[in-house]
Amino acid sequence: LLSHPQEHEKPPAIAIGELRLNGKGKKLRKPRTIYSSLQLQALNQRFQQTQYLALPERAELAAQLGLTQTQVKIWFQNKRSKYKKIMKQG
C-alpha cells in the first residue's frame, strides 16, 4: 500500500506580521536565542551596574551587541527574576 508523502508532512508555517501560525492555527514560538559568550559577558557586566535599563540605554546596548531591543529587554527581565529568586533563598 503506497501512501502519499505529503500526507505525513506538516503544513507550512504562515507568517502574519509577528504572529506565526502553523497549519492548525496554533502560534509557533520563536526559537530560543543563543547568546554568544561575548554578549553574555556584556549583558552581565551591565546588569551589575544597573538592573534596569532606560529605553535609550537598551537601544544602545542592543545595537552594540547585535541583538534586538526585545532580546535585551527579556534577558534583563529573566536575569532580575533569577536574581530575586536567589536573593530570596539567601
Protein backbone atom coordinates (compact mmCIF):
# COMPACT_ATOMS: atom_id res chain seq x y z
CA LEU A 1 0.00 0.00 0.00
CA LEU A 2 1.54 3.29 -1.12
CA SER A 3 0.83 6.46 0.81
CA HIS A 4 1.33 9.97 -0.41
CA PRO A 5 4.38 11.57 1.28
CA GLN A 6 2.66 14.93 1.64
CA GLU A 7 0.05 13.37 3.95
CA HIS A 8 2.67 13.00 6.69
CA GLU A 9 4.34 16.38 6.20
CA LYS A 10 3.49 19.25 8.47
CA PRO A 11 1.63 22.13 6.82
CA PRO A 12 3.82 25.16 6.14
CA ALA A 13 4.05 27.92 8.74
CA ILE A 14 2.44 31.16 7.68
CA ALA A 15 3.93 34.43 8.91
CA ILE A 16 1.42 37.22 9.53
CA GLY A 17 3.38 40.19 10.80
CA GLU A 18 4.85 38.98 14.09
CA LEU A 19 2.16 36.30 14.57
CA ARG A 20 3.22 32.93 13.18
CA LEU A 21 0.64 30.23 12.70
CA ASN A 22 1.13 26.59 11.82
CA GLY A 23 -1.43 24.71 9.75
CA LYS A 24 -3.70 24.09 12.76
CA GLY A 25 -3.82 27.78 13.71
CA LYS A 26 -1.62 27.38 16.77
CA LYS A 27 1.02 30.01 17.48
CA LEU A 28 4.57 28.90 16.80
CA ARG A 29 7.23 30.00 19.25
CA LYS A 30 10.34 31.71 18.00
CA PRO A 31 13.45 29.60 18.50
CA ARG A 32 15.29 30.27 21.74
CA THR A 33 18.01 32.91 21.45
CA ILE A 34 21.53 31.57 21.89
CA TYR A 35 23.72 34.35 23.24
CA SER A 36 27.45 34.34 22.49
CA SER A 37 29.85 34.40 25.44
CA LEU A 38 30.78 37.96 24.46
CA GLN A 39 27.13 39.05 24.53
CA LEU A 40 26.56 37.33 27.90
CA GLN A 41 29.67 38.95 29.34
CA ALA A 42 28.47 42.42 28.27
CA LEU A 43 24.91 41.79 29.49
CA ASN A 44 26.08 40.50 32.88
CA GLN A 45 28.51 43.41 33.24
CA ARG A 46 25.71 45.88 32.52
CA PHE A 47 23.36 44.08 34.92
CA GLN A 48 25.93 44.53 37.72
CA GLN A 49 25.89 48.27 37.06
CA THR A 50 22.11 48.54 36.89
CA GLN A 51 19.24 46.05 36.95
CA TYR A 52 17.00 48.32 34.88
CA LEU A 53 17.77 49.91 31.52
CA ALA A 54 16.17 53.08 30.17
CA LEU A 55 14.92 52.85 26.59
CA PRO A 56 17.89 54.67 25.02
CA GLU A 57 20.32 52.52 27.05
CA ARG A 58 18.55 49.39 25.90
CA ALA A 59 18.64 50.52 22.26
CA GLU A 60 22.34 51.33 22.50
CA LEU A 61 23.25 48.03 24.19
CA ALA A 62 21.20 46.04 21.67
CA ALA A 63 22.92 47.80 18.76
CA GLN A 64 26.37 47.24 20.29
CA LEU A 65 25.73 43.52 20.80
CA GLY A 66 23.87 42.84 17.57
CA LEU A 67 20.67 41.88 19.41
CA THR A 68 17.13 43.21 19.19
CA GLN A 69 15.83 45.50 21.93
CA THR A 70 13.28 42.81 22.79
CA GLN A 71 16.05 40.24 23.30
CA VAL A 72 17.87 42.63 25.66
CA LYS A 73 14.65 43.50 27.50
CA ILE A 74 13.71 39.86 28.03
CA TRP A 75 17.25 38.92 29.07
CA PHE A 76 17.13 41.63 31.77
CA GLN A 77 13.64 40.52 32.89
CA ASN A 78 14.81 36.92 33.21
CA LYS A 79 18.02 37.93 34.98
CA ARG A 80 16.11 40.08 37.52
CA SER A 81 13.72 37.21 38.16
CA LYS A 82 16.59 34.77 38.67
CA TYR A 83 18.44 37.29 40.88
CA LYS A 84 15.39 37.82 43.11
CA LYS A 85 14.88 34.07 43.39
CA ILE A 86 18.49 33.60 44.52
CA MET A 87 18.22 36.52 46.98
CA LYS A 88 15.02 35.02 48.42
CA GLN A 89 16.85 31.75 49.12
CA GLY A 90 19.60 33.67 50.90
